[in-house]
């Protein structure tokens, strides 16, 4: 993949400028599209066709324990509390059980130019969604760490944010890496018993590093 450095600070519109160009604010009050499996497959195919980055785990890094063909026990739909879209448990899930695993459906971008190129192939609504879902993160690549833009191209991208330790009466995260467990970078587990129909919530600050966008000129 392209090295992150001066070359990653490619000239082009910033995230805020891209949002204005695509009129993302005008879509905030609308009921947003629930993506189908065909939609996700099309987005992942576009990513691959554009030469998507391959990210390898370094030696000694904890590998995903998701079994082959693992299907996350979740379904996407509109929330009842006004947040918009969310993902919900399709069955009862015991504390400690895996809720998501592996990185097969992730898209990683090593330059701002590559991210803008991906957005440029999308209609306004999908481009605004990808901007909203994307985050920056230092991830293990080979024997080192690299700063990348990450986007999850499946229904789990609709998982909403909640703090792991919230105030009384506040929604709190119910998925993530349990305390004391050595988790692979992209694996998630139930932090409590989750009932069928409960919304999955994770704490974004546990993986997203929002201060890295400038490294990409975004």
N, C-alpha and C. Protein backbone atom coordinates (compact mmCIF):
# COMPACT_ATOMS: atom_id res chain seq x y z
N UNK A 1 0.84 -1.18 0.00
CA UNK A 1 0.00 0.00 0.00
C UNK A 1 0.88 1.24 0.00
N UNK A 2 0.29 2.37 -0.39
CA UNK A 2 1.04 3.61 -0.42
C UNK A 2 1.45 4.01 0.99
N UNK A 3 2.66 4.50 1.14
CA UNK A 3 3.12 4.95 2.45
C UNK A 3 2.43 6.24 2.83
N UNK A 4 2.15 6.38 4.13
CA UNK A 4 1.57 7.62 4.63
C UNK A 4 2.70 8.59 4.90
N UNK A 5 2.58 9.78 4.39
CA UNK A 5 3.61 10.80 4.56
C UNK A 5 3.19 12.02 3.80
N UNK A 6 4.14 12.79 3.32
CA UNK A 6 3.79 13.99 2.59
C UNK A 6 2.93 13.67 1.38
N UNK A 7 3.19 12.51 0.73
CA UNK A 7 2.44 12.16 -0.47
C UNK A 7 0.97 11.90 -0.16
N UNK A 8 0.66 11.55 1.12
CA UNK A 8 -0.73 11.28 1.48
C UNK A 8 -1.53 12.56 1.60
N UNK A 9 -0.86 13.70 1.77
CA UNK A 9 -1.56 14.96 1.91
C UNK A 9 -1.87 15.53 0.53
N UNK A 10 -2.60 14.74 -0.22
CA UNK A 10 -2.89 15.10 -1.60
C UNK A 10 -3.79 16.33 -1.65
N UNK A 11 -3.62 17.12 -2.68
CA UNK A 11 -4.43 18.30 -2.85
C UNK A 11 -5.82 17.90 -3.33
N UNK A 12 -6.80 18.51 -2.75
CA UNK A 12 -8.17 18.20 -3.11
C UNK A 12 -9.09 18.68 -2.01
N UNK A 13 -10.39 18.53 -2.20
CA UNK A 13 -11.34 19.01 -1.19
C UNK A 13 -11.21 18.27 0.13
N UNK A 14 -11.47 18.99 1.22
CA UNK A 14 -11.49 18.39 2.55
C UNK A 14 -12.83 17.68 2.76
N UNK A 15 -12.97 16.99 3.87
CA UNK A 15 -14.23 16.31 4.17
C UNK A 15 -15.39 17.30 4.20
N UNK A 16 -15.19 18.45 4.86
CA UNK A 16 -16.27 19.43 4.96
C UNK A 16 -16.65 19.95 3.58
N UNK A 17 -15.65 20.18 2.73
CA UNK A 17 -15.94 20.64 1.37
C UNK A 17 -16.67 19.57 0.57
N UNK A 18 -16.26 18.31 0.74
CA UNK A 18 -16.96 17.22 0.05
C UNK A 18 -18.41 17.11 0.51
N UNK A 19 -18.65 17.29 1.81
CA UNK A 19 -20.01 17.24 2.33
C UNK A 19 -20.87 18.34 1.73
N UNK A 20 -20.30 19.54 1.58
CA UNK A 20 -21.05 20.63 0.98
C UNK A 20 -21.32 20.36 -0.50
N UNK A 21 -20.31 19.85 -1.21
CA UNK A 21 -20.49 19.55 -2.63
C UNK A 21 -21.60 18.52 -2.84
N UNK A 22 -21.68 17.56 -1.95
CA UNK A 22 -22.68 16.49 -2.08
C UNK A 22 -24.00 16.81 -1.37
N UNK A 23 -24.09 17.99 -0.77
CA UNK A 23 -25.30 18.43 -0.06
C UNK A 23 -25.70 17.42 1.03
N UNK A 24 -24.73 16.98 1.78
CA UNK A 24 -25.00 15.97 2.82
C UNK A 24 -25.94 16.50 3.91
N UNK A 25 -25.83 17.79 4.24
CA UNK A 25 -26.70 18.35 5.28
C UNK A 25 -28.17 18.23 4.91
N UNK A 26 -28.48 18.34 3.63
CA UNK A 26 -29.87 18.28 3.20
C UNK A 26 -30.47 16.89 3.40
N UNK A 27 -29.63 15.89 3.57
CA UNK A 27 -30.12 14.52 3.72
C UNK A 27 -30.33 14.11 5.18
N UNK A 28 -29.89 14.96 6.10
CA UNK A 28 -29.92 14.57 7.51
C UNK A 28 -31.33 14.38 8.05
N UNK A 29 -32.29 15.13 7.51
CA UNK A 29 -33.66 15.02 8.01
C UNK A 29 -34.48 13.96 7.28
N UNK A 30 -33.88 13.30 6.31
CA UNK A 30 -34.58 12.27 5.56
C UNK A 30 -34.33 10.89 6.18
N UNK A 31 -35.28 9.97 5.98
CA UNK A 31 -35.05 8.60 6.42
C UNK A 31 -34.04 7.97 5.47
N UNK A 32 -32.91 7.54 6.02
CA UNK A 32 -31.81 7.08 5.19
C UNK A 32 -32.03 5.64 4.73
N UNK A 33 -31.43 5.35 3.61
CA UNK A 33 -31.56 4.05 2.95
C UNK A 33 -30.98 2.92 3.79
N UNK A 34 -31.70 1.80 3.88
CA UNK A 34 -31.17 0.59 4.48
C UNK A 34 -30.56 -0.23 3.35
N UNK A 35 -29.28 -0.45 3.42
CA UNK A 35 -28.56 -1.12 2.34
C UNK A 35 -28.88 -2.60 2.31
N UNK A 36 -29.03 -3.14 1.11
CA UNK A 36 -29.26 -4.56 0.91
C UNK A 36 -27.90 -5.27 0.79
N UNK A 37 -27.94 -6.59 0.83
CA UNK A 37 -26.71 -7.36 0.62
C UNK A 37 -26.12 -7.06 -0.75
N UNK A 38 -26.98 -6.87 -1.74
CA UNK A 38 -26.50 -6.53 -3.08
C UNK A 38 -25.80 -5.17 -3.09
N UNK A 39 -26.32 -4.21 -2.32
CA UNK A 39 -25.68 -2.90 -2.22
C UNK A 39 -24.27 -3.03 -1.65
N UNK A 40 -24.15 -3.80 -0.57
CA UNK A 40 -22.83 -3.96 0.07
C UNK A 40 -21.87 -4.66 -0.88
N UNK A 41 -22.33 -5.68 -1.56
CA UNK A 41 -21.46 -6.40 -2.49
C UNK A 41 -20.98 -5.47 -3.61
N UNK A 42 -21.87 -4.60 -4.09
CA UNK A 42 -21.49 -3.65 -5.13
C UNK A 42 -20.41 -2.68 -4.63
N UNK A 43 -20.56 -2.19 -3.40
CA UNK A 43 -19.57 -1.27 -2.84
C UNK A 43 -18.22 -1.97 -2.64
N UNK A 44 -18.25 -3.20 -2.15
CA UNK A 44 -17.00 -3.93 -1.96
C UNK A 44 -16.33 -4.25 -3.29
N UNK A 45 -17.13 -4.54 -4.30
CA UNK A 45 -16.59 -4.81 -5.63
C UNK A 45 -15.93 -3.54 -6.20
N UNK A 46 -16.56 -2.40 -6.02
CA UNK A 46 -15.98 -1.14 -6.46
C UNK A 46 -14.64 -0.91 -5.79
N UNK A 47 -14.58 -1.16 -4.49
CA UNK A 47 -13.34 -0.99 -3.74
C UNK A 47 -12.25 -1.89 -4.30
N UNK A 48 -12.58 -3.14 -4.55
CA UNK A 48 -11.60 -4.07 -5.11
C UNK A 48 -11.17 -3.64 -6.51
N UNK A 49 -12.13 -3.21 -7.33
CA UNK A 49 -11.83 -2.82 -8.70
C UNK A 49 -10.91 -1.61 -8.74
N UNK A 50 -10.96 -0.78 -7.71
CA UNK A 50 -10.10 0.39 -7.65
C UNK A 50 -8.74 0.08 -7.03
N UNK A 51 -8.48 -1.20 -6.77
CA UNK A 51 -7.18 -1.59 -6.23
C UNK A 51 -7.10 -1.50 -4.73
N UNK A 52 -8.17 -1.89 -4.04
CA UNK A 52 -8.24 -1.78 -2.59
C UNK A 52 -7.01 -2.29 -1.87
N UNK A 53 -6.64 -1.59 -0.82
CA UNK A 53 -5.45 -1.93 -0.03
C UNK A 53 -5.63 -3.27 0.68
N UNK A 54 -4.61 -4.10 0.64
CA UNK A 54 -4.60 -5.33 1.42
C UNK A 54 -3.86 -5.08 2.72
N UNK A 55 -4.51 -5.33 3.83
CA UNK A 55 -3.91 -5.09 5.14
C UNK A 55 -3.59 -6.43 5.78
N UNK A 56 -2.33 -6.61 6.15
CA UNK A 56 -1.89 -7.86 6.76
C UNK A 56 -1.61 -7.64 8.25
N UNK A 57 -1.92 -8.65 9.06
CA UNK A 57 -1.59 -8.59 10.47
C UNK A 57 -0.10 -8.86 10.66
N UNK A 58 0.55 -8.17 11.61
CA UNK A 58 1.97 -8.45 11.85
C UNK A 58 2.12 -9.76 12.61
N UNK A 59 3.32 -10.33 12.57
CA UNK A 59 3.59 -11.54 13.34
C UNK A 59 3.37 -11.24 14.82
N UNK A 60 2.71 -12.16 15.48
CA UNK A 60 2.47 -11.98 16.90
C UNK A 60 1.17 -11.26 17.21
N UNK A 61 0.55 -10.64 16.20
CA UNK A 61 -0.73 -9.97 16.41
C UNK A 61 -1.82 -11.02 16.57
N UNK A 62 -2.81 -10.72 17.43
CA UNK A 62 -3.90 -11.66 17.64
C UNK A 62 -4.74 -11.74 16.37
N UNK A 63 -4.90 -12.95 15.86
CA UNK A 63 -5.68 -13.16 14.64
C UNK A 63 -7.16 -13.28 14.99
N UNK A 64 -8.01 -12.92 14.03
CA UNK A 64 -9.44 -13.07 14.23
C UNK A 64 -9.77 -14.54 14.47
N UNK A 65 -10.67 -14.77 15.42
CA UNK A 65 -11.10 -16.14 15.70
C UNK A 65 -12.46 -16.42 15.07
N UNK A 66 -12.93 -15.51 14.22
CA UNK A 66 -14.21 -15.75 13.55
C UNK A 66 -14.11 -16.99 12.69
N UNK A 67 -15.02 -17.94 12.85
CA UNK A 67 -14.96 -19.16 12.03
C UNK A 67 -15.28 -18.84 10.58
N UNK A 68 -14.83 -19.66 9.63
CA UNK A 68 -15.15 -19.43 8.21
C UNK A 68 -16.65 -19.35 8.00
N UNK A 69 -17.06 -18.34 7.24
CA UNK A 69 -18.48 -18.19 6.96
C UNK A 69 -19.29 -17.62 8.11
N UNK A 70 -18.62 -17.08 9.14
CA UNK A 70 -19.33 -16.51 10.29
C UNK A 70 -20.30 -15.43 9.83
N UNK A 71 -21.54 -15.52 10.27
CA UNK A 71 -22.57 -14.54 9.95
C UNK A 71 -22.92 -13.78 11.22
N UNK A 72 -22.62 -12.48 11.29
CA UNK A 72 -22.95 -11.72 12.50
C UNK A 72 -24.45 -11.78 12.79
N UNK A 73 -24.84 -12.01 14.04
CA UNK A 73 -26.26 -12.15 14.37
C UNK A 73 -26.95 -10.79 14.46
N UNK A 74 -27.02 -10.08 13.35
CA UNK A 74 -27.56 -8.72 13.35
C UNK A 74 -28.37 -8.46 12.09
N UNK A 75 -29.28 -7.50 12.22
CA UNK A 75 -30.06 -7.03 11.08
C UNK A 75 -30.16 -5.51 11.18
N UNK A 76 -30.13 -4.84 10.04
CA UNK A 76 -30.22 -3.38 10.00
C UNK A 76 -31.67 -2.94 9.81
N UNK A 77 -32.04 -1.90 10.54
CA UNK A 77 -33.35 -1.28 10.34
C UNK A 77 -33.34 0.10 10.98
N UNK A 78 -34.43 0.82 10.82
CA UNK A 78 -34.55 2.13 11.44
C UNK A 78 -34.77 1.96 12.95
N UNK A 79 -34.16 2.85 13.72
CA UNK A 79 -34.34 2.80 15.17
C UNK A 79 -35.67 3.44 15.55
N UNK A 80 -36.16 3.12 16.74
CA UNK A 80 -37.41 3.69 17.21
C UNK A 80 -37.20 4.96 18.03
N UNK A 81 -35.95 5.30 18.33
CA UNK A 81 -35.68 6.45 19.20
C UNK A 81 -35.15 7.66 18.44
N UNK A 82 -35.24 7.63 17.10
CA UNK A 82 -34.88 8.82 16.34
C UNK A 82 -33.43 8.92 15.93
N UNK A 83 -32.61 7.91 16.27
CA UNK A 83 -31.21 7.98 15.86
C UNK A 83 -31.04 7.79 14.36
N UNK A 84 -32.03 7.16 13.73
CA UNK A 84 -31.90 6.83 12.31
C UNK A 84 -31.74 5.33 12.15
N UNK A 85 -30.71 4.93 11.41
CA UNK A 85 -30.48 3.50 11.19
C UNK A 85 -29.68 2.91 12.35
N UNK A 86 -29.84 1.60 12.51
CA UNK A 86 -29.07 0.89 13.53
C UNK A 86 -29.04 -0.59 13.18
N UNK A 87 -28.32 -1.37 13.99
CA UNK A 87 -28.31 -2.82 13.81
C UNK A 87 -28.80 -3.48 15.10
N UNK A 88 -29.53 -4.57 14.93
CA UNK A 88 -30.23 -5.20 16.04
C UNK A 88 -29.98 -6.70 16.06
N UNK A 89 -29.99 -7.27 17.26
CA UNK A 89 -29.72 -8.70 17.43
C UNK A 89 -30.85 -9.52 16.83
N UNK A 90 -30.47 -10.54 16.07
CA UNK A 90 -31.46 -11.44 15.47
C UNK A 90 -31.81 -12.61 16.38
N UNK A 91 -31.12 -12.73 17.51
CA UNK A 91 -31.39 -13.80 18.48
C UNK A 91 -30.79 -13.37 19.81
N UNK A 92 -31.07 -14.13 20.86
CA UNK A 92 -30.42 -13.87 22.15
C UNK A 92 -28.93 -14.17 22.03
N UNK A 93 -28.11 -13.32 22.63
CA UNK A 93 -26.65 -13.47 22.57
C UNK A 93 -26.10 -13.40 23.99
N UNK A 94 -25.34 -14.40 24.37
CA UNK A 94 -24.79 -14.45 25.72
C UNK A 94 -23.58 -13.53 25.85
N UNK A 95 -23.38 -12.99 27.02
CA UNK A 95 -22.19 -12.18 27.30
C UNK A 95 -20.92 -12.95 26.92
N UNK A 96 -20.04 -12.31 26.18
CA UNK A 96 -18.79 -12.94 25.75
C UNK A 96 -18.86 -13.59 24.40
N UNK A 97 -20.07 -13.72 23.82
CA UNK A 97 -20.21 -14.34 22.50
C UNK A 97 -19.80 -13.35 21.41
N UNK A 98 -19.19 -13.86 20.33
CA UNK A 98 -18.77 -13.00 19.23
C UNK A 98 -20.00 -12.42 18.51
N UNK A 99 -19.93 -11.11 18.23
CA UNK A 99 -20.99 -10.46 17.47
C UNK A 99 -20.52 -10.01 16.09
N UNK A 100 -19.20 -9.88 15.92
CA UNK A 100 -18.64 -9.52 14.62
C UNK A 100 -17.19 -9.98 14.60
N UNK A 101 -16.72 -10.40 13.41
CA UNK A 101 -15.34 -10.87 13.35
C UNK A 101 -14.69 -10.68 12.00
N UNK A 102 -13.40 -10.36 12.03
CA UNK A 102 -12.60 -10.29 10.82
C UNK A 102 -12.68 -8.95 10.11
N UNK A 103 -11.89 -8.84 9.04
CA UNK A 103 -11.78 -7.57 8.30
C UNK A 103 -12.10 -7.73 6.82
N UNK A 104 -12.72 -8.85 6.44
CA UNK A 104 -12.98 -9.10 5.03
C UNK A 104 -13.82 -8.01 4.37
N UNK A 105 -14.73 -7.40 5.13
CA UNK A 105 -15.64 -6.42 4.54
C UNK A 105 -15.20 -4.98 4.79
N UNK A 106 -13.99 -4.81 5.29
CA UNK A 106 -13.47 -3.46 5.49
C UNK A 106 -12.84 -2.94 4.21
N UNK A 107 -12.94 -1.63 4.02
CA UNK A 107 -12.18 -0.93 2.99
C UNK A 107 -11.17 -0.05 3.70
N UNK A 108 -9.92 -0.10 3.25
CA UNK A 108 -8.84 0.71 3.83
C UNK A 108 -8.25 1.59 2.73
N UNK A 109 -8.02 2.85 3.07
CA UNK A 109 -7.44 3.79 2.12
C UNK A 109 -6.18 4.39 2.74
N UNK A 110 -5.08 4.34 1.99
CA UNK A 110 -3.81 4.81 2.51
C UNK A 110 -3.48 6.24 2.09
N UNK A 111 -4.31 6.81 1.22
CA UNK A 111 -4.11 8.21 0.81
C UNK A 111 -5.46 8.90 0.71
N UNK A 112 -5.44 10.22 0.87
CA UNK A 112 -6.65 10.99 0.66
C UNK A 112 -7.14 10.89 -0.77
N UNK A 113 -6.21 10.80 -1.71
CA UNK A 113 -6.57 10.69 -3.11
C UNK A 113 -7.38 9.43 -3.38
N UNK A 114 -6.96 8.30 -2.79
CA UNK A 114 -7.68 7.04 -2.99
C UNK A 114 -9.09 7.12 -2.40
N UNK A 115 -9.22 7.76 -1.25
CA UNK A 115 -10.54 7.90 -0.62
C UNK A 115 -11.44 8.78 -1.47
N UNK A 116 -10.90 9.89 -1.97
CA UNK A 116 -11.70 10.77 -2.83
C UNK A 116 -12.11 10.05 -4.11
N UNK A 117 -11.23 9.22 -4.65
CA UNK A 117 -11.56 8.48 -5.88
C UNK A 117 -12.73 7.53 -5.64
N UNK A 118 -12.73 6.86 -4.50
CA UNK A 118 -13.84 5.97 -4.16
C UNK A 118 -15.13 6.76 -4.03
N UNK A 119 -15.09 7.88 -3.31
CA UNK A 119 -16.28 8.71 -3.17
C UNK A 119 -16.77 9.22 -4.51
N UNK A 120 -15.82 9.54 -5.40
CA UNK A 120 -16.19 10.08 -6.69
C UNK A 120 -16.96 9.13 -7.57
N UNK A 121 -16.90 7.83 -7.27
CA UNK A 121 -17.62 6.82 -8.06
C UNK A 121 -19.01 6.56 -7.49
N UNK A 122 -19.40 7.28 -6.42
CA UNK A 122 -20.67 7.02 -5.74
C UNK A 122 -21.65 8.15 -5.96
N UNK A 123 -22.95 7.85 -5.98
CA UNK A 123 -23.96 8.92 -5.99
C UNK A 123 -23.93 9.66 -4.66
N UNK A 124 -24.59 10.82 -4.62
CA UNK A 124 -24.49 11.70 -3.45
C UNK A 124 -24.85 10.99 -2.15
N UNK A 125 -25.96 10.27 -2.12
CA UNK A 125 -26.40 9.65 -0.88
C UNK A 125 -25.39 8.66 -0.34
N UNK A 126 -24.84 7.82 -1.21
CA UNK A 126 -23.86 6.83 -0.77
C UNK A 126 -22.55 7.51 -0.39
N UNK A 127 -22.16 8.54 -1.13
CA UNK A 127 -20.93 9.25 -0.78
C UNK A 127 -21.05 9.87 0.61
N UNK A 128 -22.20 10.46 0.92
CA UNK A 128 -22.41 11.06 2.24
C UNK A 128 -22.37 10.00 3.33
N UNK A 129 -22.95 8.83 3.04
CA UNK A 129 -22.90 7.74 4.01
C UNK A 129 -21.46 7.31 4.27
N UNK A 130 -20.68 7.12 3.23
CA UNK A 130 -19.30 6.67 3.40
C UNK A 130 -18.49 7.70 4.19
N UNK A 131 -18.70 8.98 3.92
CA UNK A 131 -18.03 10.02 4.70
C UNK A 131 -18.40 9.90 6.17
N UNK A 132 -19.69 9.66 6.44
CA UNK A 132 -20.17 9.55 7.82
C UNK A 132 -19.61 8.31 8.51
N UNK A 133 -19.48 7.21 7.79
CA UNK A 133 -19.02 5.95 8.39
C UNK A 133 -17.50 5.89 8.57
N UNK A 134 -16.76 6.63 7.78
CA UNK A 134 -15.30 6.48 7.74
C UNK A 134 -14.65 7.05 9.00
N UNK A 135 -13.53 6.46 9.37
CA UNK A 135 -12.72 6.98 10.46
C UNK A 135 -11.25 6.74 10.15
N UNK A 136 -10.40 7.42 10.88
CA UNK A 136 -8.96 7.20 10.74
C UNK A 136 -8.47 6.41 11.95
N UNK A 137 -7.45 5.58 11.71
CA UNK A 137 -6.99 4.68 12.76
C UNK A 137 -5.59 4.19 12.43
N UNK A 138 -4.78 4.02 13.44
CA UNK A 138 -3.49 3.35 13.25
C UNK A 138 -3.72 1.86 13.38
N UNK A 139 -3.43 1.13 12.32
CA UNK A 139 -3.70 -0.30 12.30
C UNK A 139 -2.40 -1.06 12.02
N UNK A 140 -2.30 -2.30 12.48
CA UNK A 140 -1.11 -3.09 12.22
C UNK A 140 -1.03 -3.49 10.76
N UNK A 141 0.07 -3.18 10.12
CA UNK A 141 0.30 -3.55 8.72
C UNK A 141 1.69 -4.15 8.63
N UNK A 142 1.75 -5.44 8.24
CA UNK A 142 3.05 -6.11 8.20
C UNK A 142 3.64 -6.15 9.61
N UNK A 143 4.87 -5.66 9.75
CA UNK A 143 5.54 -5.66 11.05
C UNK A 143 5.44 -4.30 11.74
N UNK A 144 4.66 -3.40 11.17
CA UNK A 144 4.62 -2.04 11.68
C UNK A 144 3.16 -1.59 11.80
N UNK A 145 2.96 -0.31 12.10
CA UNK A 145 1.64 0.28 12.13
C UNK A 145 1.54 1.33 11.04
N UNK A 146 0.36 1.48 10.47
CA UNK A 146 0.14 2.46 9.42
C UNK A 146 -1.14 3.21 9.72
N UNK A 147 -1.16 4.49 9.41
CA UNK A 147 -2.36 5.28 9.56
C UNK A 147 -3.20 5.13 8.30
N UNK A 148 -4.43 4.67 8.46
CA UNK A 148 -5.31 4.41 7.34
C UNK A 148 -6.69 5.01 7.59
N UNK A 149 -7.40 5.26 6.51
CA UNK A 149 -8.83 5.55 6.57
C UNK A 149 -9.55 4.21 6.47
N UNK A 150 -10.46 3.95 7.37
CA UNK A 150 -11.19 2.68 7.40
C UNK A 150 -12.68 2.92 7.21
N UNK A 151 -13.32 2.06 6.45
CA UNK A 151 -14.77 2.08 6.27
C UNK A 151 -15.24 0.63 6.25
N UNK A 152 -16.26 0.34 7.00
CA UNK A 152 -16.82 -1.00 7.02
C UNK A 152 -17.97 -1.07 6.02
N UNK A 153 -17.85 -1.95 5.04
CA UNK A 153 -18.83 -2.04 3.97
C UNK A 153 -19.76 -3.23 4.16
N UNK A 154 -20.43 -3.24 5.30
CA UNK A 154 -21.54 -4.16 5.54
C UNK A 154 -22.43 -3.54 6.60
N UNK A 155 -23.46 -4.25 7.02
CA UNK A 155 -24.47 -3.66 7.90
C UNK A 155 -23.92 -3.17 9.23
N UNK A 156 -22.79 -3.71 9.66
CA UNK A 156 -22.24 -3.29 10.95
C UNK A 156 -21.77 -1.85 10.92
N UNK A 157 -21.64 -1.26 9.73
CA UNK A 157 -21.30 0.16 9.65
C UNK A 157 -22.42 1.03 10.22
N UNK A 158 -23.61 0.46 10.37
CA UNK A 158 -24.75 1.20 10.90
C UNK A 158 -24.85 1.10 12.42
N UNK A 159 -23.91 0.41 13.05
CA UNK A 159 -23.93 0.31 14.51
C UNK A 159 -23.68 1.68 15.12
N UNK A 160 -24.56 2.08 16.01
CA UNK A 160 -24.49 3.41 16.61
C UNK A 160 -23.54 3.46 17.79
N UNK A 161 -23.19 4.68 18.16
CA UNK A 161 -22.20 4.97 19.19
C UNK A 161 -22.85 5.10 20.56
N UNK A 162 -22.18 4.59 21.59
CA UNK A 162 -22.59 4.80 22.98
C UNK A 162 -21.36 4.58 23.84
N UNK A 163 -21.22 5.34 24.92
CA UNK A 163 -20.05 5.16 25.79
C UNK A 163 -20.10 3.83 26.52
N UNK A 164 -18.94 3.28 26.82
CA UNK A 164 -18.91 2.02 27.56
C UNK A 164 -19.38 2.24 28.99
N UNK A 165 -19.03 3.37 29.55
CA UNK A 165 -19.45 3.71 30.91
C UNK A 165 -20.25 5.00 30.87
N UNK A 166 -21.58 4.86 30.79
CA UNK A 166 -22.43 6.03 30.69
C UNK A 166 -23.06 6.42 32.01
N UNK A 167 -23.75 7.54 31.99
CA UNK A 167 -24.47 8.00 33.17
C UNK A 167 -25.71 7.14 33.39
N UNK A 168 -26.27 7.23 34.57
CA UNK A 168 -27.47 6.46 34.89
C UNK A 168 -28.58 6.81 33.92
N UNK A 169 -29.20 5.80 33.33
CA UNK A 169 -30.27 6.00 32.39
C UNK A 169 -29.81 6.22 30.96
N UNK A 170 -28.50 6.35 30.75
CA UNK A 170 -27.95 6.56 29.42
C UNK A 170 -27.68 5.22 28.74
N UNK A 171 -27.89 5.16 27.43
CA UNK A 171 -27.52 3.96 26.70
C UNK A 171 -26.01 3.77 26.76
N UNK A 172 -25.58 2.53 26.94
CA UNK A 172 -24.15 2.23 26.99
C UNK A 172 -23.81 1.16 25.96
N UNK A 173 -22.54 1.10 25.62
CA UNK A 173 -22.08 0.11 24.64
C UNK A 173 -22.34 -1.31 25.15
N UNK A 174 -22.81 -2.16 24.26
CA UNK A 174 -23.00 -3.57 24.62
C UNK A 174 -22.17 -4.50 23.74
N UNK A 175 -21.36 -3.94 22.83
CA UNK A 175 -20.42 -4.74 22.06
C UNK A 175 -19.05 -4.08 22.10
N UNK A 176 -18.02 -4.88 21.92
CA UNK A 176 -16.65 -4.38 21.95
C UNK A 176 -15.72 -5.51 22.36
N UNK A 177 -14.58 -5.15 22.94
CA UNK A 177 -13.64 -6.14 23.45
C UNK A 177 -13.80 -6.21 24.96
N UNK A 178 -14.21 -7.34 25.50
CA UNK A 178 -14.41 -7.45 26.95
C UNK A 178 -13.13 -7.17 27.73
N UNK A 179 -13.28 -6.59 28.89
CA UNK A 179 -12.13 -6.30 29.75
C UNK A 179 -11.37 -7.57 30.06
N UNK A 180 -10.04 -7.52 29.89
CA UNK A 180 -9.19 -8.65 30.19
C UNK A 180 -9.05 -9.66 29.06
N UNK A 181 -9.78 -9.47 27.97
CA UNK A 181 -9.70 -10.39 26.83
C UNK A 181 -8.76 -9.83 25.78
N UNK A 182 -7.94 -10.68 25.18
CA UNK A 182 -7.06 -10.26 24.10
C UNK A 182 -7.82 -10.48 22.78
N UNK A 183 -8.26 -9.38 22.18
CA UNK A 183 -9.11 -9.46 21.00
C UNK A 183 -8.32 -9.10 19.74
N UNK A 184 -8.70 -9.71 18.63
CA UNK A 184 -8.18 -9.27 17.35
C UNK A 184 -8.72 -7.87 17.07
N UNK A 185 -8.02 -7.14 16.21
CA UNK A 185 -8.34 -5.74 15.99
C UNK A 185 -9.78 -5.50 15.56
N UNK A 186 -10.35 -6.40 14.78
CA UNK A 186 -11.66 -6.12 14.20
C UNK A 186 -12.74 -7.07 14.69
N UNK A 187 -12.47 -7.78 15.79
CA UNK A 187 -13.47 -8.67 16.38
C UNK A 187 -14.24 -7.94 17.47
N UNK A 188 -15.53 -8.26 17.59
CA UNK A 188 -16.38 -7.66 18.61
C UNK A 188 -17.14 -8.77 19.34
N UNK A 189 -17.41 -8.50 20.61
CA UNK A 189 -18.10 -9.47 21.46
C UNK A 189 -19.19 -8.77 22.26
N UNK A 190 -20.16 -9.57 22.72
CA UNK A 190 -21.20 -9.04 23.58
C UNK A 190 -20.60 -8.73 24.96
N UNK A 191 -20.76 -7.49 25.41
CA UNK A 191 -20.24 -7.09 26.71
C UNK A 191 -21.21 -7.44 27.83
N UNK A 192 -22.45 -7.67 27.47
CA UNK A 192 -23.49 -8.09 28.40
C UNK A 192 -24.38 -9.09 27.66
N UNK A 193 -25.31 -9.71 28.37
CA UNK A 193 -26.31 -10.52 27.67
C UNK A 193 -27.18 -9.59 26.82
N UNK A 194 -27.35 -9.95 25.57
CA UNK A 194 -28.14 -9.14 24.63
C UNK A 194 -29.35 -9.96 24.21
N UNK A 195 -30.52 -9.36 24.29
CA UNK A 195 -31.74 -10.05 23.91
C UNK A 195 -32.05 -9.84 22.42
N UNK A 196 -32.74 -10.79 21.84
CA UNK A 196 -33.18 -10.63 20.47
C UNK A 196 -33.95 -9.32 20.32
N UNK A 197 -33.60 -8.54 19.31
CA UNK A 197 -34.26 -7.26 19.08
C UNK A 197 -33.56 -6.07 19.72
N UNK A 198 -32.60 -6.32 20.63
CA UNK A 198 -31.85 -5.21 21.23
C UNK A 198 -30.93 -4.59 20.19
N UNK A 199 -30.73 -3.29 20.29
CA UNK A 199 -29.81 -2.61 19.38
C UNK A 199 -28.37 -2.83 19.82
N UNK A 200 -27.49 -3.13 18.86
CA UNK A 200 -26.06 -3.20 19.12
C UNK A 200 -25.51 -1.78 19.20
N UNK A 201 -24.68 -1.52 20.20
CA UNK A 201 -24.04 -0.22 20.37
C UNK A 201 -22.58 -0.44 20.74
N UNK A 202 -21.69 0.36 20.14
CA UNK A 202 -20.27 0.27 20.46
C UNK A 202 -19.72 1.65 20.76
N UNK A 203 -18.59 1.70 21.43
CA UNK A 203 -17.96 2.97 21.81
C UNK A 203 -16.94 3.34 20.74
N UNK A 204 -17.26 4.33 19.92
CA UNK A 204 -16.40 4.70 18.81
C UNK A 204 -14.99 5.10 19.24
N UNK A 205 -14.87 5.70 20.42
CA UNK A 205 -13.55 6.21 20.82
C UNK A 205 -12.57 5.07 21.08
N UNK A 206 -13.06 3.83 21.15
CA UNK A 206 -12.16 2.70 21.38
C UNK A 206 -11.39 2.31 20.12
N UNK A 207 -11.78 2.83 18.95
CA UNK A 207 -11.04 2.48 17.74
C UNK A 207 -10.80 3.67 16.82
N UNK A 208 -11.69 4.64 16.79
CA UNK A 208 -11.54 5.77 15.88
C UNK A 208 -10.62 6.83 16.48
N UNK A 209 -9.72 7.36 15.67
CA UNK A 209 -8.81 8.43 16.08
C UNK A 209 -9.07 9.62 15.17
N UNK A 210 -9.93 10.52 15.63
CA UNK A 210 -10.45 11.57 14.76
C UNK A 210 -9.45 12.67 14.44
N UNK A 211 -8.29 12.67 15.08
CA UNK A 211 -7.32 13.74 14.86
C UNK A 211 -6.32 13.43 13.75
N UNK A 212 -6.57 12.38 12.96
CA UNK A 212 -5.60 11.96 11.95
C UNK A 212 -5.98 12.34 10.52
N UNK A 213 -7.15 12.97 10.33
CA UNK A 213 -7.61 13.28 8.99
C UNK A 213 -6.65 14.23 8.25
N UNK A 214 -6.02 15.11 8.98
CA UNK A 214 -5.13 16.08 8.33
C UNK A 214 -3.95 15.39 7.65
N UNK A 215 -3.58 14.20 8.13
CA UNK A 215 -2.49 13.47 7.50
C UNK A 215 -2.83 13.09 6.05
N UNK A 216 -4.12 13.08 5.74
CA UNK A 216 -4.59 12.72 4.40
C UNK A 216 -5.02 13.94 3.58
N UNK A 217 -4.83 15.12 4.12
CA UNK A 217 -5.28 16.31 3.42
C UNK A 217 -6.79 16.45 3.42
N UNK A 218 -7.44 15.81 4.36
CA UNK A 218 -8.89 15.82 4.43
C UNK A 218 -9.39 16.56 5.69
